[in-house]
Amino acid sequence: TSKVGEGGLGVVYRAIDTLSGEVVAVKQVRGESCTLLEREFLAMVEFPEHPNIARVFDYGRLPGGRPYYTMEFIAGTDLRSYMAGRDIDTLYPLLVQICEGLSFIHANGYIHGDIKPENLLVTGEGRGEARIKIIDFGLSHAVREGGRGLQGTPHYMAPELLRDEAPDLRVDLYALGVVLYEILTGRKPFPGESVREILRQHLTVAPPPPHQVNPGVPEKLSGIVMTLLHKDPQARFPSAGALLEALGPIVPLRAHRSTSRGVLLNAPLIGREKELQHLLDLFEGVGKGEATPQCVVISGGEGMGKRRLLREFKYHVQIGGGTWFEARCRIGSSFSSLAPLMEKLLHVALTGGMRRQESDFPLLKQIWPTLPLGGSAAVVEEGLSPDAARIRRFSAVAAFLRSLIERGIVSTPLLLTLSDLHFADPDTLELLRYLIRALEGIPLLFALSYVPGFHDFVERRILDLGPERVTSLRLSPLTPAQQKRLLDARLGHSDLPEDFYAWAYRHTEGNPLWVEMLIHDLIERGVLLHEQ
């Protein structure tokens, strides 16, 4: 790891995710900032993937209990440094991207809360089009939550924040105005020598227009910046989309990106609220050592939302201090479905203090010969029947998992997730069946998902263990009312014609994946258009 950034709240490191091999950024916080880190993570996981928003991956805690999360590593330069020595034409495509990113954040119901050059990174330099990435959502909050007291970076704080008024998305536009003024003129619009003086100027001082400071700034662009900097939020642009429209006449055509078809908004988990709560209750019960089933099997047809449900569950588990490992089954040889999961667990075990000479490790290598344990997988099994030898190997897997927990190598509860179980080989299902029975009473939960109808192995080898060990969740199609909520959330409208909702339901039959495919098809064909 290496430190790549540091601020008042915490520090960011460049690191290698040893499970995936990817370069990631790891963000940690100091002291009382843990709540901010959790808020930032939860805000960022709410967003669907967007080219101008940094992606986050996982949340966890270090051995001492300090939280962290991993996110996309961005090898970029802050906007101020990037624009130094460059002409205004370079700024235009970046400004368009900032507007699109802010529009996306706001449309999903959030205010960023700390827009400044350091949180606007420019990446991709030298590899074609430069791209903006908006980072650091530690001060973000849902619009509906109102004010959070005086928070932010003094040079970029909107006057209404200082007046203790409830902020809305226009605080981000004001901050963007400060950023643009600084880049266009080379100086801050409110350059006080103390925080108190800076805040006073936000409330009372009108800076000279940028074109008066730098004659090279077009007057129309200068006027747009001054509109953004208006003390009265009502006098600013009402949205990032409106700002983008105002820029239209002065931004070169090549700087425009395709926005006519709009942005699909994030949607909350719809129609699966009861199932999520059931998973959370299981998680809590296992953690408390209650007599709770230690396996949950989620079934449903393709596109019914099994992965989305598990993803929502994952974030709750990580925030709650649990440890989550996941893998997907693939058609393959005996036990191959569990090989990726075991490789991840083994890596954590070895970095957590287990030695490669553990007595059970040769038995693990017999099951999964590719495990990086070194040595031979040969084990003396004289006098053991094939069934007894098999049980001995299964017992070694159970002992390994139990040891991870009992030695404190992983925080608990431990959740092991295996999706697409319908592709699992019979040996994998037999091992899972053994583990579910052998690991009763420890803080471990198996979460399995599959599509019924491929075969009856899951029903015969897992579900038949009975409700005291295994609980089942069946995902049904969305009801017409639930699908309407999904469409409204994704499209940002609640006033579409009733005939449209009925027509969409006939074509999708309440399948969430089909709803997504239908929306994208209608947008691609220009049937659905987004208006700012």
Protein backbone atom coordinates (compact mmCIF):
# COMPACT_ATOMS: atom_id res chain seq x y z
CA THR A 1 0.00 0.00 0.00
CA SER A 2 0.99 3.63 -0.45
CA LYS A 3 -0.64 6.84 0.74
CA VAL A 4 -2.19 8.87 -2.10
CA GLY A 5 -4.24 11.44 -0.22
CA GLU A 6 -4.85 12.89 3.22
CA GLY A 7 -7.32 15.36 4.68
CA GLY A 8 -8.80 16.52 7.93
CA LEU A 9 -11.13 13.53 8.15
CA GLY A 10 -8.90 10.68 7.04
CA VAL A 11 -6.47 9.20 4.57
CA VAL A 12 -6.65 7.32 1.26
CA TYR A 13 -4.23 4.57 0.27
CA ARG A 14 -3.49 2.87 -3.03
CA ALA A 15 -3.65 -0.89 -2.47
CA ILE A 16 -4.01 -4.24 -4.17
CA ASP A 17 -7.18 -6.20 -3.42
CA THR A 18 -5.55 -9.53 -2.67
CA LEU A 19 -8.76 -11.42 -3.44
CA SER A 20 -9.42 -9.90 -6.88
CA GLY A 21 -5.92 -8.69 -7.77
CA GLU A 22 -7.31 -5.25 -8.71
CA VAL A 23 -5.76 -1.92 -7.77
CA VAL A 24 -8.18 -0.12 -5.41
CA ALA A 25 -8.27 2.92 -3.19
CA VAL A 26 -8.78 2.28 0.53
CA LYS A 27 -10.31 5.09 2.54
CA GLN A 28 -9.96 5.26 6.33
CA VAL A 29 -11.02 7.94 8.78
CA ARG A 30 -9.78 9.37 12.03
CA GLY A 31 -11.44 9.59 15.40
CA GLU A 32 -15.07 10.62 15.34
CA SER A 33 -15.42 10.54 11.55
CA CYS A 34 -16.64 6.93 11.38
CA THR A 35 -20.24 8.04 10.84
CA LEU A 36 -19.16 10.18 7.90
CA LEU A 37 -17.37 7.23 6.31
CA GLU A 38 -20.42 5.01 6.71
CA ARG A 39 -22.67 7.72 5.29
CA GLU A 40 -20.34 8.20 2.33
CA PHE A 41 -20.26 4.48 1.56
CA LEU A 42 -24.03 4.11 1.79
CA ALA A 43 -24.55 7.17 -0.42
CA MET A 44 -22.19 5.89 -3.10
CA VAL A 45 -23.54 2.33 -3.22
CA GLU A 46 -26.98 3.83 -3.88
CA PHE A 47 -25.84 5.06 -7.28
CA PRO A 48 -25.97 2.91 -10.40
CA GLU A 49 -22.70 2.98 -12.31
CA HIS A 50 -22.04 6.36 -13.91
CA PRO A 51 -18.94 7.40 -15.86
CA ASN A 52 -18.42 10.53 -13.74
CA ILE A 53 -18.95 8.98 -10.29
CA ALA A 54 -16.27 6.96 -8.50
CA ARG A 55 -17.43 3.38 -7.80
CA VAL A 56 -17.24 1.79 -4.36
CA PHE A 57 -16.78 -1.92 -3.66
CA ASP A 58 -16.66 -3.14 -0.07
CA TYR A 59 -16.93 -1.93 3.51
CA GLY A 60 -15.04 -3.49 6.40
CA ARG A 61 -13.17 -2.99 9.65
CA LEU A 62 -9.50 -3.30 10.48
CA PRO A 63 -8.40 -5.56 13.36
CA GLY A 64 -8.56 -2.59 15.75
CA GLY A 65 -12.14 -1.87 14.74
CA ARG A 66 -11.49 1.19 12.57
CA PRO A 67 -13.77 1.14 9.49
CA TYR A 68 -12.66 1.48 5.89
CA TYR A 69 -14.08 1.00 2.44
CA THR A 70 -12.57 0.21 -0.93
CA MET A 71 -13.36 2.06 -4.11
CA GLU A 72 -12.20 2.54 -7.65
CA PHE A 73 -8.61 3.79 -7.77
CA ILE A 74 -8.49 6.91 -9.92
CA ALA A 75 -5.10 7.91 -11.28
CA GLY A 76 -6.06 11.51 -11.86
CA THR A 77 -5.28 15.15 -11.20
CA ASP A 78 -7.52 17.59 -9.36
CA LEU A 79 -9.31 20.03 -11.63
CA ARG A 80 -7.37 23.11 -10.46
CA SER A 81 -3.99 21.52 -11.16
CA TYR A 82 -5.15 20.06 -14.45
CA MET A 83 -6.38 23.41 -15.78
CA ALA A 84 -3.22 25.31 -14.81
CA GLY A 85 -1.73 26.66 -18.04
CA ARG A 86 -4.55 25.33 -20.22
CA ASP A 87 -6.99 27.44 -22.22
CA ILE A 88 -10.72 27.75 -21.57
CA ASP A 89 -11.64 25.40 -24.41
CA THR A 90 -10.10 22.58 -22.36
CA LEU A 91 -12.54 23.35 -19.56
CA TYR A 92 -15.74 23.02 -21.59
CA PRO A 93 -15.96 19.22 -21.99
CA LEU A 94 -15.00 18.80 -18.32
CA LEU A 95 -17.69 21.25 -17.26
CA VAL A 96 -20.27 19.32 -19.26
CA GLN A 97 -19.24 16.13 -17.44
CA ILE A 98 -19.42 17.84 -14.05
CA CYS A 99 -22.96 18.99 -14.87
CA GLU A 100 -23.94 15.48 -15.92
CA GLY A 101 -22.45 13.96 -12.78
CA LEU A 102 -24.17 16.48 -10.51
CA SER A 103 -27.43 16.06 -12.36
CA PHE A 104 -27.18 12.32 -11.77
CA ILE A 105 -26.41 12.75 -8.05
CA HIS A 106 -29.26 15.21 -7.58
CA ALA A 107 -31.73 13.15 -9.59
CA ASN A 108 -31.02 10.23 -7.27
CA GLY A 109 -32.01 12.36 -4.31
CA TYR A 110 -28.59 13.38 -2.95
CA ILE A 111 -26.59 16.56 -2.42
CA HIS A 112 -22.83 16.12 -2.67
CA GLY A 113 -22.09 18.76 -0.07
CA ASP A 114 -18.38 19.32 -0.72
CA ILE A 115 -17.78 20.24 -4.35
CA LYS A 116 -14.26 21.67 -4.72
CA PRO A 117 -11.34 21.17 -7.13
CA GLU A 118 -9.84 18.40 -4.98
CA ASN A 119 -13.05 16.37 -5.33
CA LEU A 120 -13.17 16.77 -9.12
CA LEU A 121 -10.48 14.50 -10.52
CA VAL A 122 -9.47 14.49 -14.17
CA THR A 123 -8.40 11.09 -15.43
CA GLY A 124 -7.57 9.62 -18.82
CA GLU A 125 -5.08 12.32 -19.80
CA GLY A 126 -3.00 11.11 -22.72
CA ARG A 127 -5.45 8.28 -23.46
CA GLY A 128 -8.04 10.19 -25.46
CA GLU A 129 -10.85 12.17 -23.85
CA ALA A 130 -10.17 13.45 -20.35
CA ARG A 131 -12.86 12.32 -17.92
CA ILE A 132 -14.12 13.86 -14.71
CA LYS A 133 -14.64 11.67 -11.65
CA ILE A 134 -16.56 13.15 -8.72
CA ILE A 135 -15.25 11.77 -5.43
CA ASP A 136 -15.60 12.17 -1.65
CA PHE A 137 -19.24 11.88 -0.63
CA GLY A 138 -18.49 12.11 3.09
CA LEU A 139 -20.65 15.21 3.51
CA SER A 140 -23.38 14.06 1.15
CA HIS A 141 -26.89 13.53 2.37
CA ALA A 142 -30.35 12.88 1.02
CA VAL A 143 -32.21 16.02 0.00
CA ARG A 144 -35.11 14.98 2.23
CA GLU A 145 -32.85 15.00 5.30
CA GLY A 146 -32.46 18.78 5.27
CA GLY A 147 -29.57 20.50 7.04
CA ARG A 148 -26.80 18.85 9.03
CA GLY A 149 -25.34 21.92 10.66
CA LEU A 150 -22.32 23.80 9.37
CA GLN A 151 -20.29 21.33 7.32
CA GLY A 152 -18.11 21.75 4.27
CA THR A 153 -14.98 23.53 3.06
CA PRO A 154 -15.16 27.26 3.94
CA HIS A 155 -14.11 28.64 0.54
CA TYR A 156 -16.93 26.70 -1.19
CA MET A 157 -19.82 27.00 1.29
CA ALA A 158 -23.07 28.52 0.04
CA PRO A 159 -24.49 31.48 2.02
CA GLU A 160 -27.67 29.60 2.97
CA LEU A 161 -25.55 27.10 4.88
CA LEU A 162 -24.18 29.96 6.96
CA ARG A 163 -27.71 31.24 7.54
CA ASP A 164 -28.64 27.79 8.88
CA GLU A 165 -31.22 27.31 6.14
CA ALA A 166 -32.13 23.85 4.86
CA PRO A 167 -29.84 23.22 1.87
CA ASP A 168 -30.90 21.85 -1.46
CA LEU A 169 -29.04 20.89 -4.63
CA ARG A 170 -28.20 24.54 -5.34
CA VAL A 171 -25.47 24.48 -2.67
CA ASP A 172 -23.54 22.22 -5.05
CA LEU A 173 -24.11 24.68 -7.90
CA TYR A 174 -22.84 27.56 -5.76
CA ALA A 175 -19.71 25.57 -4.92
CA LEU A 176 -19.23 24.81 -8.60
CA GLY A 177 -19.46 28.56 -9.26
CA VAL A 178 -16.62 29.13 -6.80
CA VAL A 179 -14.56 26.42 -8.51
CA LEU A 180 -15.14 27.95 -11.96
CA TYR A 181 -14.34 31.47 -10.75
CA GLU A 182 -11.07 30.22 -9.28
CA ILE A 183 -10.07 28.36 -12.46
CA LEU A 184 -11.03 31.19 -14.82
CA THR A 185 -9.38 34.00 -12.85
CA GLY A 186 -6.61 32.28 -10.94
CA ARG A 187 -7.95 33.55 -7.63
CA LYS A 188 -10.72 32.71 -5.21
CA PRO A 189 -13.82 34.93 -5.24
CA PHE A 190 -13.79 35.15 -1.42
CA PRO A 191 -10.10 35.24 -0.42
CA GLY A 192 -10.31 36.08 3.27
CA GLU A 193 -7.31 35.48 5.50
CA SER A 194 -9.38 33.80 8.19
CA VAL A 195 -12.30 31.40 8.13
CA ARG A 196 -14.48 34.05 9.73
CA GLU A 197 -13.59 36.56 7.02
CA ILE A 198 -14.20 34.03 4.25
CA LEU A 199 -17.64 33.22 5.63
CA ARG A 200 -18.47 36.91 6.00
CA GLN A 201 -17.62 37.49 2.35
CA HIS A 202 -19.88 34.61 1.28
CA LEU A 203 -22.74 36.45 2.98
CA THR A 204 -22.02 40.05 2.00
CA VAL A 205 -19.42 40.47 -0.76
CA ALA A 206 -20.10 40.29 -4.50
CA PRO A 207 -16.83 39.52 -6.35
CA PRO A 208 -16.08 41.25 -9.66
CA PRO A 209 -17.24 39.20 -12.68
CA PRO A 210 -14.56 36.84 -14.01
CA HIS A 211 -14.22 38.64 -17.36
CA GLN A 212 -13.22 41.82 -15.51
CA VAL A 213 -10.44 39.95 -13.74
CA ASN A 214 -9.40 37.92 -16.81
CA PRO A 215 -10.34 39.56 -20.14
CA GLY A 216 -9.95 36.19 -21.85
CA VAL A 217 -13.13 34.88 -20.21
CA PRO A 218 -16.19 35.18 -22.49
CA GLU A 219 -18.80 37.51 -20.99
CA LYS A 220 -21.56 34.92 -21.32
CA LEU A 221 -19.51 32.38 -19.37
CA SER A 222 -18.69 35.08 -16.83
CA GLY A 223 -22.40 35.80 -16.43
CA ILE A 224 -23.15 32.12 -15.86
CA VAL A 225 -20.53 31.97 -13.11
CA MET A 226 -22.02 35.04 -11.42
CA THR A 227 -25.48 33.45 -11.57
CA LEU A 228 -24.07 30.40 -9.81
CA LEU A 229 -22.57 32.67 -7.14
CA HIS A 230 -25.78 34.54 -6.35
CA LYS A 231 -26.40 34.91 -2.62
CA ASP A 232 -30.05 33.98 -3.09
CA PRO A 233 -30.40 30.34 -4.14
CA GLN A 234 -33.65 31.22 -5.92
CA ALA A 235 -31.64 33.38 -8.32
CA ARG A 236 -29.26 30.58 -9.26
CA PHE A 237 -29.89 27.94 -11.87
CA PRO A 238 -32.52 25.55 -10.50
CA SER A 239 -30.55 22.44 -11.51
CA ALA A 240 -27.37 21.17 -13.10
CA GLY A 241 -29.46 20.38 -16.15
CA ALA A 242 -30.56 24.01 -16.41
CA LEU A 243 -26.92 25.06 -16.11
CA LEU A 244 -26.03 22.69 -18.94
CA GLU A 245 -28.74 24.25 -21.10
CA ALA A 246 -27.40 27.73 -20.32
CA LEU A 247 -23.94 26.61 -21.41
CA GLY A 248 -25.30 25.33 -24.72
CA PRO A 249 -24.78 28.50 -26.79
CA ILE A 250 -21.17 28.98 -25.67
CA VAL A 251 -19.88 25.43 -25.27
CA PRO A 252 -18.29 24.09 -28.47
CA LEU A 253 -20.35 21.37 -30.10
CA ARG A 254 -17.60 18.78 -29.60
CA ALA A 255 -17.85 19.27 -25.83
CA HIS A 256 -21.46 18.12 -25.74
CA ARG A 257 -22.11 14.54 -24.88
CA SER A 258 -25.25 12.60 -25.61
CA THR A 259 -27.73 13.63 -22.93
CA SER A 260 -30.94 13.82 -24.93
CA ARG A 261 -32.01 10.39 -23.82
CA GLY A 262 -31.48 11.27 -20.23
CA VAL A 263 -30.31 9.31 -17.26
CA LEU A 264 -31.94 6.30 -15.67
CA LEU A 265 -32.23 6.96 -11.97
CA ASN A 266 -31.42 4.62 -9.17
CA ALA A 267 -34.34 2.69 -7.74
CA PRO A 268 -34.61 1.39 -4.20
CA LEU A 269 -35.19 -2.31 -3.62
CA ILE A 270 -38.82 -2.67 -4.66
CA GLY A 271 -41.01 -5.68 -4.03
CA ARG A 272 -38.32 -7.49 -2.02
CA GLU A 273 -38.54 -5.58 1.27
CA LYS A 274 -39.93 -8.51 3.26
CA GLU A 275 -37.28 -10.86 1.89
CA LEU A 276 -34.50 -8.41 2.82
CA GLN A 277 -35.87 -8.06 6.33
CA HIS A 278 -35.99 -11.86 6.64
CA LEU A 279 -32.31 -12.03 5.66
CA LEU A 280 -31.44 -9.33 8.18
CA ASP A 281 -33.31 -11.21 10.91
CA LEU A 282 -31.34 -14.36 10.07
CA PHE A 283 -28.10 -12.38 10.17
CA GLU A 284 -28.96 -10.97 13.58
CA GLY A 285 -30.06 -14.36 14.93
CA VAL A 286 -26.91 -16.14 13.79
CA GLY A 287 -24.81 -13.38 15.31
CA LYS A 288 -26.54 -13.75 18.66
CA GLY A 289 -26.23 -17.54 18.66
CA GLU A 290 -29.97 -18.06 18.50
CA ALA A 291 -31.52 -21.27 17.22
CA THR A 292 -31.71 -19.91 13.70
CA PRO A 293 -31.40 -21.74 10.37
CA GLN A 294 -27.82 -21.43 9.16
CA CYS A 295 -28.68 -21.59 5.49
CA VAL A 296 -31.05 -19.54 3.37
CA VAL A 297 -31.88 -20.61 -0.17
CA ILE A 298 -33.19 -17.90 -2.49
CA SER A 299 -34.96 -19.15 -5.59
CA GLY A 300 -36.54 -17.43 -8.55
CA GLY A 301 -36.48 -17.35 -12.31
CA GLU A 302 -33.85 -15.50 -14.32
CA GLY A 303 -34.15 -11.76 -13.73
CA MET A 304 -36.23 -11.97 -10.57
CA GLY A 305 -33.68 -9.99 -8.55
CA LYS A 306 -31.74 -12.61 -6.61
CA ARG A 307 -28.40 -10.86 -7.09
CA ARG A 308 -29.85 -7.43 -6.32
CA LEU A 309 -31.36 -8.75 -3.09
CA LEU A 310 -28.04 -10.33 -2.07
CA ARG A 311 -26.17 -7.14 -2.93
CA GLU A 312 -28.44 -5.11 -0.65
CA PHE A 313 -27.96 -7.74 2.05
CA LYS A 314 -24.18 -7.60 1.60
CA TYR A 315 -23.98 -3.89 2.37
CA HIS A 316 -26.05 -4.30 5.53
CA VAL A 317 -23.82 -7.17 6.63
CA GLN A 318 -20.61 -5.20 6.04
CA ILE A 319 -21.90 -2.10 7.80
CA GLY A 320 -23.04 -4.35 10.66
CA GLY A 321 -19.53 -5.70 11.15
CA GLY A 322 -19.96 -9.11 9.51
CA THR A 323 -17.65 -10.71 6.94
CA TRP A 324 -18.91 -11.58 3.48
CA PHE A 325 -17.43 -13.94 0.89
CA GLU A 326 -19.12 -14.77 -2.37
CA ALA A 327 -18.70 -16.88 -5.47
CA ARG A 328 -20.79 -17.99 -8.45
CA CYS A 329 -21.20 -21.58 -9.53
CA ARG A 330 -19.96 -22.62 -12.94
CA ILE A 331 -20.47 -25.87 -14.78
CA GLY A 332 -17.32 -27.88 -14.12
CA SER A 333 -15.66 -30.78 -12.36
CA SER A 334 -16.31 -32.07 -8.85
CA PHE A 335 -16.19 -29.37 -6.16
CA SER A 336 -15.17 -26.75 -8.73
CA SER A 337 -18.03 -24.45 -7.75
CA LEU A 338 -16.55 -23.93 -4.31
CA ALA A 339 -12.94 -23.51 -5.45
CA PRO A 340 -13.03 -19.68 -5.84
CA LEU A 341 -14.64 -19.31 -2.42
CA MET A 342 -12.06 -21.56 -0.77
CA GLU A 343 -9.19 -19.70 -2.43
CA LYS A 344 -10.46 -16.42 -0.94
CA LEU A 345 -10.95 -17.96 2.50
CA LEU A 346 -7.53 -19.60 2.42
CA HIS A 347 -5.86 -16.31 1.52
CA VAL A 348 -7.53 -14.62 4.50
CA ALA A 349 -6.54 -17.55 6.73
CA LEU A 350 -2.86 -17.42 5.76
CA THR A 351 -2.63 -13.64 6.10
CA GLY A 352 -4.44 -13.93 9.43
CA GLY A 353 -1.91 -16.25 11.04
CA MET A 354 -2.71 -19.80 9.93
CA ARG A 355 0.33 -21.78 8.78
CA ARG A 356 0.54 -23.77 5.59
CA GLN A 357 1.43 -26.79 7.72
CA GLU A 358 -2.01 -26.95 9.38
CA SER A 359 -2.93 -30.60 9.79
CA ASP A 360 -6.14 -30.37 7.76
CA PHE A 361 -4.66 -28.52 4.78
CA PRO A 362 -3.56 -31.64 2.84
CA LEU A 363 -7.17 -32.82 2.98
CA LEU A 364 -8.33 -29.50 1.56
CA LYS A 365 -5.78 -29.86 -1.24
CA GLN A 366 -7.18 -33.30 -2.02
CA ILE A 367 -10.55 -31.69 -2.75
CA TRP A 368 -9.14 -28.62 -4.51
CA PRO A 369 -5.69 -29.47 -5.94
CA THR A 370 -5.16 -25.89 -7.19
CA LEU A 371 -5.17 -24.37 -3.70
CA PRO A 372 -1.83 -22.55 -3.18
CA LEU A 373 -0.69 -24.67 -0.26
CA GLY A 374 2.43 -26.23 -1.70
CA GLY A 375 3.51 -29.73 -0.83
CA SER A 376 1.66 -32.89 -1.66
CA ALA A 377 -2.04 -33.64 -1.42
CA ALA A 378 -1.24 -37.26 -0.53
CA VAL A 379 -2.95 -38.38 2.67
CA VAL A 380 -2.75 -41.82 4.25
CA GLU A 381 -6.22 -43.36 4.03
CA GLU A 382 -5.42 -47.02 4.62
CA GLY A 383 -8.38 -48.94 5.94
CA LEU A 384 -10.87 -46.16 5.13
CA SER A 385 -13.77 -46.91 2.86
CA PRO A 386 -14.44 -44.37 0.07
CA ASP A 387 -17.35 -42.96 2.06
CA ALA A 388 -15.27 -42.64 5.23
CA ALA A 389 -12.44 -40.95 3.33
CA ARG A 390 -14.95 -38.55 1.84
CA ILE A 391 -16.38 -37.69 5.26
CA ARG A 392 -12.84 -37.14 6.55
CA ARG A 393 -12.21 -34.56 3.82
CA PHE A 394 -15.57 -32.88 4.44
CA SER A 395 -14.75 -32.73 8.15
CA ALA A 396 -11.50 -30.95 7.34
CA VAL A 397 -13.41 -28.24 5.48
CA ALA A 398 -15.76 -27.79 8.44
CA ALA A 399 -12.80 -27.61 10.83
CA PHE A 400 -11.14 -24.99 8.64
CA LEU A 401 -14.24 -22.78 8.64
CA ARG A 402 -14.72 -23.23 12.37
CA SER A 403 -11.08 -22.32 12.98
CA LEU A 404 -11.42 -19.09 10.97
CA ILE A 405 -14.13 -18.00 13.37
CA GLU A 406 -12.76 -19.34 16.64
CA ARG A 407 -9.30 -17.83 16.07
CA GLY A 408 -10.85 -14.45 15.28
CA ILE A 409 -9.34 -14.35 11.80
CA VAL A 410 -12.68 -13.14 10.37
CA SER A 411 -15.19 -10.90 12.09
CA THR A 412 -18.54 -12.52 12.70
CA PRO A 413 -21.11 -13.39 11.64
CA LEU A 414 -19.42 -14.95 8.62
CA LEU A 415 -21.58 -15.10 5.51
CA LEU A 416 -20.73 -17.40 2.61
CA THR A 417 -22.73 -16.72 -0.53
CA LEU A 418 -22.94 -19.03 -3.51
CA SER A 419 -25.12 -17.95 -6.42
CA ASP A 420 -26.31 -19.91 -9.46
CA LEU A 421 -26.44 -23.08 -7.39
CA HIS A 422 -28.32 -24.79 -10.25
CA PHE A 423 -24.93 -25.06 -12.00
CA ALA A 424 -23.27 -26.74 -9.01
CA ASP A 425 -22.03 -30.30 -9.38
CA PRO A 426 -23.50 -33.00 -7.09
CA ASP A 427 -20.29 -33.22 -5.04
CA THR A 428 -20.49 -29.52 -4.19
CA LEU A 429 -24.08 -29.96 -3.02
CA GLU A 430 -23.07 -32.94 -0.89
CA LEU A 431 -20.32 -30.91 0.77
CA LEU A 432 -22.70 -28.01 1.43
CA ARG A 433 -25.19 -30.44 2.93
CA TYR A 434 -22.49 -31.75 5.28
CA LEU A 435 -21.30 -28.27 6.29
CA ILE A 436 -24.80 -26.99 7.07
CA ARG A 437 -25.25 -29.86 9.52
CA ALA A 438 -21.71 -29.87 10.92
CA LEU A 439 -21.44 -26.15 11.65
CA GLU A 440 -24.57 -25.66 13.72
CA GLY A 441 -24.21 -23.23 16.60
CA ILE A 442 -21.42 -21.04 15.22
CA PRO A 443 -21.96 -17.53 13.79
CA LEU A 444 -21.97 -18.56 10.14
CA LEU A 445 -24.71 -18.24 7.53
CA PHE A 446 -24.83 -19.76 4.05
CA ALA A 447 -26.81 -17.74 1.49
CA LEU A 448 -27.46 -19.75 -1.67
CA SER A 449 -29.42 -18.80 -4.76
CA TYR A 450 -30.60 -20.78 -7.76
CA VAL A 451 -33.07 -20.98 -10.61
CA PRO A 452 -35.56 -23.84 -10.14
CA GLY A 453 -36.26 -26.28 -12.93
CA PHE A 454 -32.76 -27.25 -14.03
CA HIS A 455 -32.80 -30.38 -11.85
CA ASP A 456 -34.01 -31.38 -8.41
CA PHE A 457 -30.58 -31.70 -6.74
CA VAL A 458 -30.99 -28.53 -4.67
CA GLU A 459 -34.38 -29.65 -3.44
CA ARG A 460 -33.16 -33.18 -2.63
CA ARG A 461 -29.79 -32.35 -1.09
CA ILE A 462 -30.22 -28.92 0.56
CA LEU A 463 -33.86 -28.03 1.11
CA ASP A 464 -34.68 -31.47 2.48
CA LEU A 465 -32.52 -30.73 5.55
CA GLY A 466 -35.64 -29.21 7.06
CA PRO A 467 -36.75 -25.73 8.20
CA GLU A 468 -34.72 -25.87 11.41
CA ARG A 469 -31.53 -25.85 9.30
CA VAL A 470 -32.57 -24.29 5.98
CA THR A 471 -35.05 -21.55 5.22
CA SER A 472 -36.30 -20.83 1.72
CA LEU A 473 -37.17 -17.55 0.02
CA ARG A 474 -39.00 -17.68 -3.31
CA LEU A 475 -38.93 -14.48 -5.37
CA SER A 476 -42.18 -13.98 -7.24
CA PRO A 477 -42.89 -11.55 -10.09
CA LEU A 478 -43.57 -7.96 -9.08
CA THR A 479 -47.20 -6.99 -8.77
CA PRO A 480 -48.50 -4.30 -11.18
CA ALA A 481 -48.30 -1.74 -8.35
CA GLN A 482 -44.71 -2.71 -7.53
CA GLN A 483 -43.68 -2.57 -11.18
CA LYS A 484 -45.24 0.89 -11.45
CA ARG A 485 -43.10 2.01 -8.50
CA LEU A 486 -40.02 0.58 -10.23
CA LEU A 487 -40.78 2.37 -13.49
CA ASP A 488 -41.49 5.65 -11.70
CA ALA A 489 -38.25 5.40 -9.73
CA ARG A 490 -36.09 4.57 -12.75
CA LEU A 491 -37.66 7.18 -15.04
CA GLY A 492 -38.12 9.91 -12.45
CA HIS A 493 -41.82 10.30 -13.25
CA SER A 494 -45.03 9.37 -11.50
CA ASP A 495 -47.49 10.78 -14.00
CA LEU A 496 -47.09 8.51 -17.01
CA PRO A 497 -50.32 7.32 -18.69
CA GLU A 498 -51.96 4.34 -17.00
CA ASP A 499 -52.09 2.63 -20.40
CA PHE A 500 -48.29 2.72 -20.48
CA TYR A 501 -48.01 0.90 -17.13
CA ALA A 502 -50.53 -1.73 -18.23
CA TRP A 503 -48.78 -2.20 -21.57
CA ALA A 504 -45.39 -2.53 -19.84
CA TYR A 505 -46.74 -5.12 -17.40
CA ARG A 506 -48.15 -7.23 -20.22
CA HIS A 507 -44.74 -7.26 -21.87
CA THR A 508 -42.62 -7.90 -18.76
CA GLU A 509 -44.95 -9.91 -16.49
CA GLY A 510 -43.40 -8.34 -13.41
CA ASN A 511 -39.86 -9.57 -14.12
CA PRO A 512 -37.44 -6.81 -12.92
CA LEU A 513 -34.79 -7.69 -15.51
CA TRP A 514 -37.31 -7.53 -18.31
CA VAL A 515 -38.45 -4.14 -17.01
CA GLU A 516 -34.85 -2.90 -17.27
CA MET A 517 -34.53 -4.30 -20.79
CA LEU A 518 -37.80 -2.70 -21.84
CA ILE A 519 -36.79 0.72 -20.49
CA HIS A 520 -33.43 0.60 -22.28
CA ASP A 521 -35.10 -0.50 -25.51
CA LEU A 522 -37.63 2.33 -25.37
CA ILE A 523 -34.89 4.87 -24.66
CA GLU A 524 -32.64 3.53 -27.42
CA ARG A 525 -35.51 3.77 -29.92
CA GLY A 526 -36.36 7.31 -28.80
CA VAL A 527 -39.81 6.36 -27.51
CA LEU A 528 -38.92 7.61 -24.02
CA LEU A 529 -37.17 10.97 -23.83
CA HIS A 530 -35.86 12.72 -20.73
CA GLU A 531 -36.53 16.43 -20.35
CA GLN A 532 -34.51 18.49 -17.85
